[in-house]
Amino acid sequence: MAVGNLEFIKSASGTSVSSLSVTDCFSDKYDVYEVFIPTDDLSSTVDTRFRLLDSGGSEVTATSYDIATLTLRAGASFAEERLTSQDHFRSLTAGNNTTVGVGILLRIFNPYDSGSYTFSMWQSSFKQETLGYLEGRKSIGVLKQSAQHTGLSFYNGSGTLDSFSVSVYGVK
């Protein structure tokens, strides 16, 4: 868990966009970053995903992402998901296109350290409007690539990012 003060680094936002990147937000100044994504409505969003950006600003699309997610549903059974050799991190939000009241906290560890893997943890909560219940998710992931990463790119399995905003902080 991140401890200490947060220092604002950068933010980005978009409405009805296919993807949203936050470039040049990681540096050698911090080892841990917190990313906040508050939004009220992801009406055409399905399964929000993200990738890291390499030192040249391009998305890392190699099948080197591993993910484990626990989904906690108020109105249905809990679920687990384990994925290896993916080309992205996933499960920030649900695969339901009427998700509202979304709050996401994402932690990134050692993204700028070219001598280690980049690890991440994220958790989210939202209401499944169509299904009528609250849902929370807790995930961990690793990009098994020892390289320098300078930013993040968010996109969806299908649909657009509606009223999507991202704020990146360094943890002192």
Protein backbone atom coordinates (compact mmCIF):
# COMPACT_ATOMS: atom_id res chain seq x y z
CA MET A 1 0.00 0.00 0.00
CA ALA A 2 1.28 3.44 -0.88
CA VAL A 3 2.31 5.56 2.07
CA GLY A 4 3.27 9.20 2.21
CA ASN A 5 2.40 12.34 0.37
CA LEU A 6 1.08 12.49 -3.15
CA GLU A 7 2.49 14.96 -5.65
CA PHE A 8 0.33 15.82 -8.65
CA ILE A 9 2.09 15.09 -11.95
CA LYS A 10 -0.38 15.21 -14.81
CA SER A 11 -4.00 14.75 -15.86
CA ALA A 12 -5.90 14.08 -19.06
CA SER A 13 -9.55 13.82 -20.00
CA GLY A 14 -11.75 13.07 -22.95
CA THR A 15 -15.37 12.63 -23.96
CA SER A 16 -16.48 9.95 -26.41
CA VAL A 17 -12.89 9.08 -27.36
CA SER A 18 -11.62 5.69 -28.51
CA SER A 19 -8.55 5.95 -26.23
CA LEU A 20 -6.90 8.35 -23.81
CA SER A 21 -3.16 8.52 -23.16
CA VAL A 22 -1.27 10.15 -20.33
CA THR A 23 2.25 10.63 -21.68
CA ASP A 24 5.50 11.47 -19.90
CA CYS A 25 4.05 10.99 -16.42
CA PHE A 26 6.60 8.45 -15.13
CA SER A 27 10.19 9.41 -14.33
CA ASP A 28 13.08 8.45 -12.08
CA LYS A 29 11.69 10.79 -9.39
CA TYR A 30 9.23 8.17 -8.04
CA ASP A 31 9.03 4.40 -7.74
CA VAL A 32 5.28 4.32 -6.99
CA TYR A 33 2.45 6.17 -8.72
CA GLU A 34 -1.25 6.50 -7.92
CA VAL A 35 -3.73 7.07 -10.72
CA PHE A 36 -7.28 8.25 -9.97
CA ILE A 37 -10.11 7.79 -12.45
CA PRO A 38 -13.43 9.18 -11.25
CA THR A 39 -16.32 9.26 -13.67
CA ASP A 40 -20.07 9.29 -13.37
CA ASP A 41 -21.11 7.63 -16.60
CA LEU A 42 -19.47 5.10 -18.90
CA SER A 43 -22.63 4.62 -20.93
CA SER A 44 -20.99 3.19 -24.03
CA THR A 45 -18.02 1.68 -22.25
CA VAL A 46 -17.37 -2.03 -22.19
CA ASP A 47 -14.43 -3.49 -20.24
CA THR A 48 -12.02 -0.59 -19.68
CA ARG A 49 -8.41 -1.62 -20.29
CA PHE A 50 -4.97 -0.04 -20.17
CA ARG A 51 -1.45 -0.46 -21.49
CA LEU A 52 1.86 1.07 -20.54
CA LEU A 53 3.70 3.36 -22.93
CA ASP A 54 7.34 2.66 -23.75
CA SER A 55 10.11 5.27 -23.61
CA GLY A 56 9.21 6.37 -27.15
CA GLY A 57 5.55 6.95 -26.21
CA SER A 58 4.17 3.90 -28.04
CA GLU A 59 1.79 1.40 -26.45
CA VAL A 60 3.41 -1.81 -25.24
CA THR A 61 1.34 -4.44 -27.08
CA ALA A 62 3.53 -7.48 -26.41
CA THR A 63 1.71 -10.45 -24.84
CA SER A 64 3.57 -9.96 -21.56
CA TYR A 65 0.76 -8.79 -19.26
CA ASP A 66 -0.50 -11.14 -16.51
CA ILE A 67 -3.60 -10.30 -14.46
CA ALA A 68 -5.63 -11.69 -11.55
CA THR A 69 -9.01 -10.17 -10.60
CA LEU A 70 -11.55 -10.75 -7.86
CA THR A 71 -15.03 -9.43 -8.69
CA LEU A 72 -17.33 -8.78 -5.74
CA ARG A 73 -20.98 -8.47 -6.70
CA ALA A 74 -23.75 -7.40 -4.32
CA GLY A 75 -26.41 -9.16 -6.36
CA ALA A 76 -24.62 -12.22 -7.70
CA SER A 77 -21.82 -14.66 -6.97
CA PHE A 78 -18.24 -13.49 -6.59
CA ALA A 79 -15.90 -14.37 -9.44
CA GLU A 80 -12.18 -14.79 -10.05
CA GLU A 81 -10.27 -14.31 -13.27
CA ARG A 82 -6.65 -15.18 -14.02
CA LEU A 83 -5.13 -14.29 -17.36
CA THR A 84 -1.60 -14.72 -18.64
CA SER A 85 0.17 -13.62 -21.81
CA GLN A 86 -2.26 -10.78 -22.53
CA ASP A 87 -1.50 -7.66 -24.59
CA HIS A 88 -3.11 -5.32 -22.00
CA PHE A 89 -4.30 -4.99 -18.41
CA ARG A 90 -8.10 -5.30 -18.12
CA SER A 91 -11.05 -5.45 -15.75
CA LEU A 92 -11.00 -1.83 -14.58
CA THR A 93 -14.75 -1.82 -15.20
CA ALA A 94 -17.35 -4.37 -16.16
CA GLY A 95 -18.24 -5.73 -19.55
CA ASN A 96 -21.64 -4.06 -19.22
CA ASN A 97 -22.51 -0.96 -21.17
CA THR A 98 -24.58 0.78 -18.51
CA THR A 99 -22.03 1.14 -15.73
CA VAL A 100 -22.44 4.33 -13.65
CA GLY A 101 -20.78 5.95 -10.64
CA VAL A 102 -17.33 4.56 -11.38
CA GLY A 103 -14.34 5.12 -9.11
CA ILE A 104 -10.96 3.58 -9.95
CA LEU A 105 -7.67 3.69 -8.02
CA LEU A 106 -4.66 2.34 -9.86
CA ARG A 107 -1.15 1.91 -8.39
CA ILE A 108 1.88 1.44 -10.61
CA PHE A 109 5.21 0.21 -9.20
CA ASN A 110 8.61 0.81 -10.85
CA PRO A 111 7.40 1.79 -14.33
CA TYR A 112 10.52 3.84 -15.12
CA ASP A 113 13.03 1.26 -13.83
CA SER A 114 14.44 -0.48 -16.89
CA GLY A 115 15.93 -3.20 -14.67
CA SER A 116 12.67 -4.58 -13.27
CA TYR A 117 9.16 -5.61 -14.23
CA THR A 118 6.32 -3.12 -13.79
CA PHE A 119 3.71 -4.23 -11.26
CA SER A 120 0.26 -2.78 -10.75
CA MET A 121 -2.74 -3.03 -8.45
CA TRP A 122 -6.15 -1.55 -9.07
CA GLN A 123 -9.54 -1.49 -7.50
CA SER A 124 -12.83 -0.13 -8.72
CA SER A 125 -16.43 0.20 -7.68
CA PHE A 126 -19.50 0.98 -9.74
CA LYS A 127 -23.18 0.25 -10.19
CA GLN A 128 -24.36 -2.21 -12.80
CA GLU A 129 -27.46 -0.32 -13.97
CA THR A 130 -28.90 -3.05 -16.18
CA LEU A 131 -28.31 -5.77 -13.60
CA GLY A 132 -29.31 -3.54 -10.68
CA TYR A 133 -26.49 -4.15 -8.21
CA LEU A 134 -23.21 -2.72 -6.98
CA GLU A 135 -19.93 -4.29 -8.01
CA GLY A 136 -16.33 -3.96 -6.85
CA ARG A 137 -13.14 -5.29 -8.36
CA LYS A 138 -9.67 -5.83 -6.97
CA SER A 139 -6.87 -6.73 -9.38
CA ILE A 140 -3.13 -7.24 -9.55
CA GLY A 141 -0.97 -7.36 -12.62
CA VAL A 142 2.56 -7.46 -13.94
CA LEU A 143 4.07 -6.46 -17.24
CA LYS A 144 6.84 -9.03 -17.60
CA GLN A 145 9.15 -6.75 -19.49
CA SER A 146 12.24 -5.10 -18.02
CA ALA A 147 11.98 -1.75 -19.76
CA GLN A 148 11.45 1.93 -19.12
CA HIS A 149 7.81 3.01 -19.32
CA THR A 150 6.78 6.67 -19.46
CA GLY A 151 2.97 6.69 -19.49
CA LEU A 152 -0.40 4.96 -19.76
CA SER A 153 -3.04 4.49 -22.44
CA PHE A 154 -6.68 3.63 -21.65
CA TYR A 155 -9.21 2.14 -24.06
CA ASN A 156 -12.18 -0.25 -24.15
CA GLY A 157 -12.88 -3.74 -25.38
CA SER A 158 -15.58 -2.01 -27.45
CA GLY A 159 -17.28 1.35 -27.28
CA THR A 160 -15.80 4.69 -26.29
CA LEU A 161 -14.52 6.36 -23.16
CA ASP A 162 -17.27 8.77 -22.13
CA SER A 163 -16.45 11.63 -19.74
CA PHE A 164 -13.19 9.90 -18.86
CA SER A 165 -10.59 11.67 -16.73
CA VAL A 166 -7.27 10.47 -15.34
CA SER A 167 -5.01 12.11 -12.72
CA VAL A 168 -1.51 10.80 -12.02
CA TYR A 169 0.33 11.38 -8.73
CA GLY A 170 3.80 10.40 -7.56
CA VAL A 171 4.07 8.88 -4.07
CA LYS A 172 6.79 10.48 -1.95
